[in-house]
Protein backbone atom coordinates (compact mmCIF):
# COMPACT_ATOMS: atom_id res chain seq x y z
CA MET A 1 43.21 -4.42 38.08
CA SER A 2 40.94 -1.65 39.15
CA GLY A 3 41.77 -2.74 42.79
CA GLY A 4 45.71 -2.28 41.73
CA ALA A 5 45.02 0.99 40.27
CA LEU A 6 43.71 2.29 43.36
CA LEU A 7 46.60 0.46 45.58
CA ILE A 8 49.32 2.13 43.14
CA ILE A 9 47.48 5.91 44.02
CA ALA A 10 47.71 5.17 47.43
CA LEU A 11 51.35 3.80 47.75
CA ALA A 12 52.06 7.24 45.34
CA GLY A 13 50.39 9.18 47.79
CA TYR A 14 51.88 7.87 50.94
CA TYR A 15 55.55 8.07 49.30
CA VAL A 16 55.09 11.48 48.22
CA ARG A 17 53.62 12.69 51.86
CA TYR A 18 56.20 11.15 53.98
CA PHE A 19 59.37 11.82 51.70
CA GLY A 20 58.17 14.93 50.39
CA GLY A 21 59.26 17.51 53.09
CA GLU A 22 57.14 20.45 53.84
CA TRP A 23 55.18 19.84 50.45
CA GLY A 24 54.34 16.26 51.45
CA GLN A 25 50.69 16.89 52.03
CA ALA A 26 50.01 19.04 48.91
CA LEU A 27 51.70 16.66 46.93
CA GLN A 28 49.64 13.99 48.19
CA THR A 29 46.49 15.77 47.37
CA VAL A 30 47.43 16.49 44.13
CA VAL A 31 48.69 12.86 43.29
CA LEU A 32 45.39 11.31 44.72
CA ALA A 33 43.33 13.92 42.77
CA VAL A 34 45.24 13.28 39.77
CA GLY A 35 45.09 9.59 39.93
CA ALA A 36 41.34 9.39 40.71
CA LEU A 37 40.49 11.71 37.84
CA GLY A 38 42.73 9.20 36.02
CA PHE A 39 41.14 6.22 37.17
CA LEU A 40 37.59 7.34 36.33
CA ALA A 41 38.50 8.66 32.94
CA SER A 42 40.07 5.20 32.29
CA ILE A 43 36.70 3.35 33.19
CA ALA A 44 34.64 5.77 31.49
CA SER A 45 36.81 4.98 28.14
CA GLY A 46 34.99 2.40 25.69
CA SER A 47 38.73 1.98 24.10
CA VAL A 48 40.19 1.31 27.35
CA ARG A 49 37.66 -0.81 28.51
CA ALA A 50 37.87 -3.27 25.41
CA TRP A 51 41.35 -3.26 25.81
CA LEU A 52 41.61 -4.49 29.43
CA ARG A 53 38.73 -7.04 28.60
CA VAL A 54 40.59 -8.28 25.07
CA PHE A 55 43.99 -8.45 27.53
CA ILE A 56 42.06 -10.25 30.46
CA ASN A 57 40.72 -12.77 28.29
CA LYS A 58 43.46 -13.31 26.10
CA HIS A 59 46.15 -13.84 29.13
CA PHE A 60 43.61 -15.20 32.09
CA PHE A 61 41.25 -17.40 30.19
CA SER A 62 41.63 -20.46 27.99
CA LEU A 63 38.36 -19.31 26.51
CA ARG A 64 37.73 -15.82 25.36
CA TYR A 65 34.29 -15.75 26.18
CA ASP A 66 31.46 -16.92 28.61
CA TYR A 67 29.25 -18.19 26.22
CA ARG A 68 26.20 -18.48 28.98
CA ALA A 69 26.65 -15.03 29.80
CA GLU A 70 26.89 -14.04 26.20
CA TRP A 71 23.96 -15.71 24.96
CA LEU A 72 21.70 -14.49 28.00
CA LYS A 73 22.98 -10.69 27.09
CA LEU A 74 22.51 -11.51 22.99
CA ALA A 75 18.84 -13.05 24.31
CA ASP A 76 17.88 -9.93 26.35
CA THR A 77 19.17 -6.92 24.09
CA LEU A 78 16.89 -8.95 21.14
CA TYR A 79 13.87 -9.43 23.13
CA SER A 80 13.74 -6.36 24.56
CA ALA A 81 13.34 -4.30 21.65
CA SER A 82 9.96 -2.90 21.18
CA SER A 83 9.71 -2.18 17.22
CA VAL A 84 10.92 -3.87 14.04
CA ASP A 85 13.73 -0.49 13.79
CA ALA A 86 14.45 -1.35 17.45
CA LEU A 87 15.22 -4.90 16.68
CA ARG A 88 17.17 -4.15 13.54
CA GLN A 89 19.05 -1.74 15.98
CA ALA A 90 19.71 -4.21 18.71
CA SER A 91 20.92 -6.77 15.76
CA ILE A 92 24.00 -4.57 14.77
CA ARG A 93 24.60 -3.61 18.68
CA VAL A 94 24.79 -7.97 19.80
CA MET A 95 26.67 -8.51 16.90
CA ALA A 96 29.16 -5.60 17.61
CA ASP A 97 29.44 -5.67 21.76
CA LEU A 98 31.04 -9.71 20.72
CA VAL A 99 34.20 -7.94 19.30
CA GLU A 100 33.90 -4.70 21.18
CA SER A 101 32.83 -2.72 17.61
CA PRO A 102 31.38 0.41 17.95
CA GLY A 103 28.45 0.14 15.38
CA GLY A 104 27.70 -1.12 12.18
CA MET A 105 25.43 -1.54 9.28
CA LEU A 106 22.60 -4.36 8.72
CA TRP A 107 21.73 -5.60 5.34
CA LEU A 108 18.63 -7.41 4.46
CA ARG A 109 17.34 -8.82 1.64
CA SER A 110 14.44 -6.50 -0.10
CA GLU A 111 11.50 -7.78 -2.02
CA GLY A 112 13.61 -6.73 -5.54
CA GLY A 113 15.72 -9.79 -4.72
CA HIS A 114 18.94 -7.49 -3.99
CA TYR A 115 20.28 -6.51 -0.50
CA ALA A 116 20.27 -3.10 1.05
CA PRO A 117 21.07 -1.28 3.77
CA ALA A 118 18.24 -1.76 6.91
CA ALA A 119 19.62 -0.13 9.75
CA ARG A 120 22.81 1.51 11.15
CA LEU A 121 24.53 2.24 14.52
CA ASN A 122 27.13 4.88 14.66
CA VAL A 123 27.84 4.91 10.94
CA PRO A 124 26.08 7.23 8.32
CA MET A 125 23.91 5.56 6.11
CA ILE A 126 24.79 4.81 2.52
CA ASP A 127 22.70 4.55 -0.75
CA ALA A 128 23.97 1.19 -2.19
CA ARG A 129 22.67 -2.15 -3.18
CA GLU A 130 24.07 -5.59 -3.21
CA PRO A 131 22.86 -8.08 -5.70
CA ALA A 132 22.25 -11.56 -4.62
CA ASP A 133 24.02 -13.16 -7.26
CA SER A 134 27.20 -10.94 -6.24
CA PRO A 135 30.48 -12.91 -5.34
CA LEU A 136 30.57 -11.46 -2.20
CA ILE A 137 26.74 -12.47 -1.25
CA GLN A 138 28.05 -16.34 -2.93
CA LEU A 139 31.07 -16.29 -0.29
CA LEU A 140 29.15 -14.80 2.60
CA LEU A 141 25.64 -17.05 2.49
CA GLY A 142 26.78 -20.01 0.50
CA LYS A 143 30.26 -20.50 2.56
CA MET A 144 29.06 -18.28 5.25
CA TRP A 145 32.47 -16.87 5.99
CA VAL A 146 33.00 -13.87 8.31
CA ILE A 147 35.01 -11.46 6.00
CA ASN A 148 37.78 -9.48 7.82
CA VAL A 149 38.17 -6.75 5.13
CA GLU A 150 41.52 -5.64 6.40
CA GLU A 151 42.97 -9.12 5.70
CA HIS A 152 41.29 -9.31 2.08
CA ARG A 153 43.04 -5.78 1.42
CA SER A 154 46.67 -7.35 3.08
CA ARG A 155 46.22 -10.76 1.75
CA PRO A 156 43.70 -10.51 -1.42
CA GLY A 157 44.28 -14.29 -2.27
CA ALA A 158 42.52 -15.29 1.45
CA TYR A 159 39.13 -15.47 -0.16
CA GLY A 160 39.89 -16.69 -3.37
CA ASN A 161 39.40 -14.31 -6.25
CA LEU A 162 37.37 -12.20 -4.01
CA ARG A 163 36.81 -8.26 -4.92
CA LEU A 164 35.03 -5.81 -2.53
CA PRO A 165 32.10 -3.91 -3.79
CA ALA A 166 32.37 -0.10 -4.16
CA TRP A 167 30.23 0.39 -1.08
CA VAL A 168 33.12 -1.26 1.35
CA ALA A 169 35.25 1.63 0.51
CA GLN A 170 32.35 4.04 1.15
CA THR A 171 31.56 2.56 4.56
CA PRO A 172 34.00 4.68 7.55
CA ASP A 173 36.39 2.26 9.53
CA VAL A 174 34.34 -1.14 7.96
CA TRP A 175 36.14 -4.10 9.06
CA LEU A 176 34.23 -7.33 9.47
CA ILE A 177 31.06 -8.75 7.22
CA CYS A 178 29.34 -11.51 9.17
CA PRO A 179 26.80 -13.52 7.60
CA LEU A 180 22.91 -13.60 8.82
CA GLY A 181 21.62 -17.26 8.92
CA ASN A 182 22.65 -20.41 7.29
CA GLU A 183 22.75 -22.13 3.84
CA ASP A 184 19.03 -22.76 4.26
CA MET A 185 18.16 -19.39 5.21
CA PRO A 186 20.59 -16.76 3.59
CA LEU A 187 18.72 -13.26 5.18
CA GLY A 188 21.42 -10.73 5.08
CA PHE A 189 24.58 -9.85 6.52
CA VAL A 190 26.42 -7.29 9.30
CA VAL A 191 28.71 -5.08 8.31
CA LEU A 192 31.41 -4.36 11.71
CA CYS A 193 33.15 -1.45 12.19
CA ARG A 194 37.40 -1.55 13.34
CA PRO A 195 36.96 -2.43 17.33
CA ARG A 196 38.19 0.15 19.90
CA ALA A 197 41.03 -1.85 21.24
CA LEU A 198 43.56 -4.65 18.61
CA LEU A 199 41.54 -7.90 18.66
CA ASP A 200 42.49 -11.11 17.66
CA LEU A 201 40.57 -12.64 15.13
CA ASN A 202 40.69 -16.09 15.57
CA TRP A 203 38.69 -19.89 15.18
CA GLU A 204 36.77 -18.33 18.36
CA VAL A 205 35.58 -15.52 17.49
CA ARG A 206 34.40 -16.49 13.59
CA ASP A 207 32.75 -19.16 15.10
CA LEU A 208 30.79 -16.99 17.64
CA LEU A 209 29.96 -14.55 15.59
CA LYS A 210 28.36 -17.16 12.75
CA THR A 211 26.24 -18.75 15.59
CA ALA A 212 25.29 -15.13 16.79
CA GLY A 213 24.25 -14.13 13.17
CA ARG A 214 22.56 -17.39 12.99
CA GLN A 215 20.37 -16.85 15.99
CA VAL A 216 19.55 -13.23 14.80
CA ALA A 217 18.64 -13.86 11.66
CA GLY A 218 16.09 -16.58 13.33
CA VAL A 219 14.51 -13.59 15.05
CA LEU A 220 14.77 -11.17 12.59
CA ASN A 221 12.82 -14.04 10.30
CA GLN A 222 10.15 -14.44 12.66
CA THR A 223 9.61 -10.96 12.84
CA GLN A 224 9.48 -10.49 8.38
CA ALA A 225 6.81 -13.72 9.20
CA MET A 226 4.92 -11.83 11.87
CA GLU A 227 4.92 -8.60 9.50
CA ALA A 228 3.82 -10.62 6.74
CA LEU A 229 1.02 -12.23 8.57
CA ILE A 230 -0.52 -8.97 10.00
CA GLU A 231 -0.25 -7.59 6.37
CA ALA A 232 -2.40 -10.31 4.97
CA LYS A 233 -4.82 -10.43 8.30
CA LYS A 234 -5.36 -6.69 7.40
CA PHE A 235 -6.03 -7.56 3.64
CA GLU A 236 -8.34 -10.35 4.66
CA ALA A 237 -10.11 -8.02 6.94
CA PHE A 238 -10.38 -5.09 4.01
CA SER A 239 -11.50 -8.18 1.63
CA LYS A 240 -14.43 -9.34 4.04
CA MET A 241 -15.31 -5.89 4.68
CA SER A 242 -15.59 -4.87 0.67
CA ALA A 243 -17.75 -8.33 0.28
CA PHE A 244 -19.88 -6.36 3.00
CA VAL A 245 -20.29 -3.05 1.63
CA VAL A 246 -20.84 -4.91 -2.11
CA HIS A 247 -23.58 -6.78 -0.75
CA ASP A 248 -25.14 -3.48 0.89
CA LEU A 249 -24.57 -1.42 -2.49
CA LYS A 250 -26.59 -4.49 -4.30
CA ASN A 251 -29.35 -4.04 -1.75
CA LEU A 252 -29.21 -0.13 -2.27
CA ILE A 253 -29.61 -0.57 -5.63
CA ALA A 254 -32.38 -2.96 -5.71
CA GLN A 255 -34.19 -0.57 -3.27
CA LEU A 256 -33.85 2.55 -5.98
CA SER A 257 -35.07 -0.27 -8.52
CA LEU A 258 -37.82 -0.88 -7.06
CA LEU A 259 -38.60 3.22 -6.27
CA LEU A 260 -37.89 3.73 -9.95
CA ARG A 261 -40.53 1.06 -11.32
CA ASN A 262 -43.11 2.46 -8.98
CA ALA A 263 -42.34 6.13 -9.89
CA LYS A 264 -44.02 5.67 -13.41
CA LYS A 265 -47.35 4.45 -11.55
CA HIS A 266 -47.36 6.68 -8.84
CA HIS A 267 -45.36 9.93 -9.60
CA ASP A 268 -48.44 12.20 -9.18
CA ASN A 269 -48.93 10.80 -5.78
CA PRO A 270 -47.78 13.27 -3.15
CA GLU A 271 -47.15 10.54 -0.66
CA PHE A 272 -45.26 8.63 -2.94
CA GLN A 273 -43.24 11.79 -3.45
CA GLN A 274 -42.01 12.36 -0.02
CA ASP A 275 -41.39 8.65 0.37
CA MET A 276 -39.18 8.62 -2.72
CA MET A 277 -37.58 11.90 -1.04
CA GLU A 278 -36.64 10.37 2.10
CA THR A 279 -35.81 6.80 0.35
CA ILE A 280 -33.08 8.60 -1.79
CA GLU A 281 -31.58 10.69 0.88
CA HIS A 282 -31.51 7.36 3.30
CA ALA A 283 -29.84 5.79 0.41
CA VAL A 284 -27.12 8.52 -0.14
CA GLY A 285 -26.35 8.43 3.64
CA ARG A 286 -25.88 4.83 3.73
CA MET A 287 -23.50 4.88 0.36
CA ASN A 288 -21.46 7.94 2.24
CA GLY A 289 -21.00 5.71 5.51
CA MET A 290 -19.73 3.07 3.49
CA LEU A 291 -17.13 5.16 1.68
CA LEU A 292 -16.18 6.62 5.29
CA GLN A 293 -15.86 3.07 6.79
CA LEU A 294 -13.55 1.87 3.85
CA ARG A 295 -11.56 4.83 4.54
CA SER A 296 -11.21 4.43 8.37
CA GLY A 297 -10.95 0.67 8.38
CA THR A 298 -12.67 -2.30 9.42
CA GLN A 299 -13.69 -0.96 13.10
CA PRO A 300 -17.13 0.80 13.48
CA ILE A 301 -16.96 4.74 12.58
CA GLU A 302 -19.34 5.22 15.59
CA GLN A 303 -19.82 4.03 18.93
CA ALA A 304 -22.99 2.00 20.09
CA SER A 305 -25.82 4.34 21.17
CA PRO A 306 -29.46 3.64 22.12
CA VAL A 307 -31.81 3.32 18.53
CA GLU A 308 -35.36 3.38 18.41
CA LEU A 309 -36.77 0.35 17.00
CA THR A 310 -40.23 1.54 16.73
CA PRO A 311 -39.64 4.26 13.98
CA LEU A 312 -36.99 2.39 12.30
CA LEU A 313 -39.16 -0.95 11.71
CA GLU A 314 -42.23 1.97 10.61
CA ARG A 315 -39.42 3.14 7.98
CA LEU A 316 -38.40 -0.43 6.86
CA HIS A 317 -42.13 -1.36 6.26
CA ARG A 318 -43.14 1.48 4.28
CA ALA A 319 -39.92 1.22 2.39
CA ARG A 320 -40.88 -2.92 1.29
CA ALA A 321 -44.94 -2.51 1.88
CA ARG A 322 -44.83 -1.75 -2.41
CA SER A 323 -43.13 -5.20 -3.17
CA GLY A 324 -45.93 -6.90 -4.28
CA CYS A 325 -47.05 -9.54 -1.54
CA GLU A 326 -49.09 -8.25 1.98
CA LEU A 327 -46.34 -6.90 4.36
CA GLU A 328 -47.44 -6.55 7.90
CA LEU A 329 -45.97 -4.70 10.84
CA ASP A 330 -47.16 -4.93 14.77
CA ALA A 331 -44.26 -3.44 17.08
CA GLU A 332 -44.85 -2.00 20.78
CA SER A 333 -43.73 1.62 21.27
CA GLY A 334 -40.93 2.81 23.43
CA LEU A 335 -38.91 -0.01 22.19
CA MET A 336 -34.81 0.62 22.51
CA VAL A 337 -31.87 -1.34 22.05
CA ARG A 338 -27.77 -0.10 22.11
CA ALA A 339 -26.76 -0.70 18.94
CA HIS A 340 -25.53 0.81 15.50
CA GLU A 341 -29.01 2.35 13.95
CA ASP A 342 -27.24 1.56 10.01
CA ARG A 343 -26.03 -1.82 11.09
CA ILE A 344 -29.64 -2.80 13.04
CA GLU A 345 -31.57 -1.25 9.91
CA ARG A 346 -29.54 -3.46 7.83
CA VAL A 347 -29.73 -6.83 9.90
CA VAL A 348 -33.59 -6.64 10.00
CA GLY A 349 -33.82 -5.16 6.15
CA HIS A 350 -32.02 -8.05 5.27
CA LEU A 351 -34.48 -10.50 6.85
CA VAL A 352 -37.43 -8.75 5.40
CA GLN A 353 -36.23 -8.74 1.81
CA ASN A 354 -35.21 -12.26 2.16
CA ALA A 355 -38.69 -13.05 3.47
CA LEU A 356 -40.09 -10.90 0.76
CA ASP A 357 -38.02 -12.88 -1.97
CA ALA A 358 -39.07 -16.44 -0.56
CA THR A 359 -43.09 -15.59 -0.45
CA PRO A 360 -45.34 -15.62 -3.54
CA GLN A 361 -47.46 -12.84 -4.32
CA ASN A 362 -50.69 -14.13 -2.40
CA GLY A 363 -48.53 -14.88 0.66
CA LYS A 364 -47.90 -12.89 3.58
CA VAL A 365 -44.77 -11.46 5.58
CA SER A 366 -45.09 -10.09 9.28
CA ILE A 367 -42.85 -7.65 11.08
CA ARG A 368 -43.59 -8.22 15.53
CA ALA A 369 -41.61 -6.31 18.22
CA ARG A 370 -41.97 -6.70 21.56
CA ARG A 371 -40.52 -6.63 24.96
CA ILE A 372 -39.54 -10.00 26.45
CA GLU A 373 -38.18 -11.05 30.01
CA ALA A 374 -34.83 -11.73 28.45
CA GLY A 375 -34.89 -8.13 26.33
CA VAL A 376 -36.46 -7.45 23.13
CA VAL A 377 -37.36 -9.47 20.32
CA ILE A 378 -37.73 -8.60 16.65
CA GLU A 379 -39.80 -11.48 14.60
CA VAL A 380 -39.89 -11.62 10.88
CA GLU A 381 -42.04 -14.63 9.61
CA ASP A 382 -43.08 -15.43 6.22
CA SER A 383 -45.24 -17.93 4.25
CA GLY A 384 -43.03 -18.72 1.45
CA CYS A 385 -40.77 -21.76 0.45
CA GLY A 386 -39.60 -22.38 3.73
CA MET A 387 -36.13 -24.40 4.66
CA THR A 388 -34.84 -27.91 4.94
CA GLU A 389 -32.85 -28.53 8.49
CA GLU A 390 -29.97 -29.29 6.45
CA PHE A 391 -29.32 -26.26 4.96
CA MET A 392 -30.38 -24.27 8.06
CA ARG A 393 -27.29 -26.55 9.62
CA GLU A 394 -24.76 -26.36 7.09
CA ARG A 395 -25.32 -23.15 5.09
CA LEU A 396 -27.67 -20.73 6.43
CA PHE A 397 -25.21 -18.30 8.16
CA LYS A 398 -21.70 -19.45 6.14
CA PRO A 399 -20.44 -16.67 4.26
CA PHE A 400 -20.69 -16.91 0.46
CA GLN A 401 -23.62 -19.08 0.94
CA SER A 402 -26.85 -18.36 -1.02
CA THR A 403 -29.61 -19.93 -2.68
CA LYS A 404 -30.29 -16.92 -5.19
CA ALA A 405 -28.66 -16.41 -8.79
CA ASN A 406 -27.28 -13.26 -7.67
CA GLY A 407 -26.87 -13.51 -4.35
CA MET A 408 -23.64 -13.10 -2.88
CA GLY A 409 -24.35 -15.16 0.82
CA ILE A 410 -22.71 -12.45 3.19
CA GLY A 411 -26.25 -10.97 4.59
CA ALA A 412 -26.85 -13.65 6.67
CA TYR A 413 -23.76 -14.09 8.01
CA GLU A 414 -23.39 -10.16 8.67
CA SER A 415 -26.64 -10.07 10.58
CA PHE A 416 -25.74 -13.21 12.54
CA ARG A 417 -22.11 -12.00 13.42
CA TYR A 418 -23.33 -8.43 14.59
CA VAL A 419 -26.22 -10.11 16.15
CA HIS A 420 -23.76 -12.12 18.29
CA ASP A 421 -21.30 -9.01 19.03
CA LEU A 422 -24.09 -7.26 20.84
CA GLY A 423 -24.92 -10.18 22.94
CA GLY A 424 -27.94 -11.38 21.34
CA ARG A 425 -28.55 -14.43 19.35
CA ILE A 426 -30.92 -15.20 16.08
CA GLU A 427 -33.32 -17.95 16.44
CA VAL A 428 -34.82 -19.67 13.12
CA THR A 429 -37.84 -21.93 12.63
CA SER A 430 -38.57 -23.16 9.18
CA GLU A 431 -40.55 -25.96 7.27
CA PRO A 432 -40.19 -26.57 3.83
CA GLY A 433 -43.35 -25.26 1.96
CA ARG A 434 -44.86 -23.86 5.12
CA GLY A 435 -42.59 -20.33 5.68
CA SER A 436 -39.66 -19.62 8.19
CA LEU A 437 -39.76 -17.51 11.36
CA PHE A 438 -36.36 -15.40 12.71
CA ARG A 439 -36.25 -14.17 15.68
CA LEU A 440 -33.64 -11.74 16.82
CA VAL A 441 -33.45 -11.46 20.36
CA PHE A 442 -31.55 -8.67 22.10
CA PRO A 443 -30.37 -9.09 26.04
CA LEU A 444 -31.82 -7.63 28.50
CA HIS A 445 -28.94 -5.17 29.59
CA ALA A 446 -28.43 -4.01 25.88
CA ALA A 447 -32.03 -2.61 26.09
CA GLU A 448 -31.60 -1.29 29.68
CA ALA A 449 -28.60 0.44 28.77
CA ALA A 450 -30.50 1.92 25.71
CA VAL A 451 -33.38 3.29 27.66
CA ALA A 452 -31.16 4.29 30.54
């Protein structure tokens, strides 16, 4: 048809040039210019293109649609959406393009059980709700009918006793209401505006709209399921982080309780007063850090940085030295690893506290730190009750597994995960009645990076 239009313009120009006398050449220029402008305007007009497409499909093809091309276009449009909002807009577009509609509105089921507008394309947004048990929803999603609003107005009995809701009149140029999904998965519906060119809404168009609606509903339903899964994962991560925070608070409370008990005996000792101030200051800093962690999410607040292990171990030794049993410290000077200082202190402090809890008053707990070929190792050894092979294999580093009456089973699990994230490992040697030895091995690259 484009070729025919160009041929007519050319013939008209030829005619006026040779039969227009002395004005022939000027008339030819005018005819060609007007014809070209009219041709370009027709090509640029969506209404003209729609009318031509409908005309050709109606008179030159036995089936109106090339289903392979339509389905490929539908899939490309849906799966090219980069966000949830873009996907909802694309859902309207693919349904509208099938019937040359300029736009419409997507309605989806909300958490309250009713249906509400979720996206729009070339139409104003309206504030409306449609109950899930309304006659319109029962007809749309119960029988999966495509409702022609104009047909309903001219022949009210075509859709039984259906009465259109008030929001239909608020939507400009409303034409079709198409269901999304099927009887087993009623997701929502799409309202389409009147097409650019008059279209015969026959059985083929209705079936194509219903089939496309099922495909669109499948993609939207999958997206909603992914959103719910992501939200559940976020809640799971937040719950796990909360468990770690509660565990740290329990340790801080135990530390402050021990400080309070010793304050009755040593409150006049200047060294104890200095240790008490340092312990309280450290506890306040830890609690502020935990609050900041809760606000910012599950990722570490700070990046890993060089940590001097010897001062850290000396601080732990001073804080736990008055716990009852003997606590020894043997650490080489200049030991460093690349990590988070508060988390390393938490890991080692947890192992030391567990060793103290498992050791009687006449026992001994040792903290050792040294360089090895593989990197840096920290050892925590006690002469306590020890552990069985079965316990170490099945329960030691599992979350929410604890032998303490008020334990949460989080500390060992957190220690294992953090050391593993740093590229290190935890080695355990234990025997019932003879004590336990925990070895924290930090890799050589972490120690060299810290020194560098």
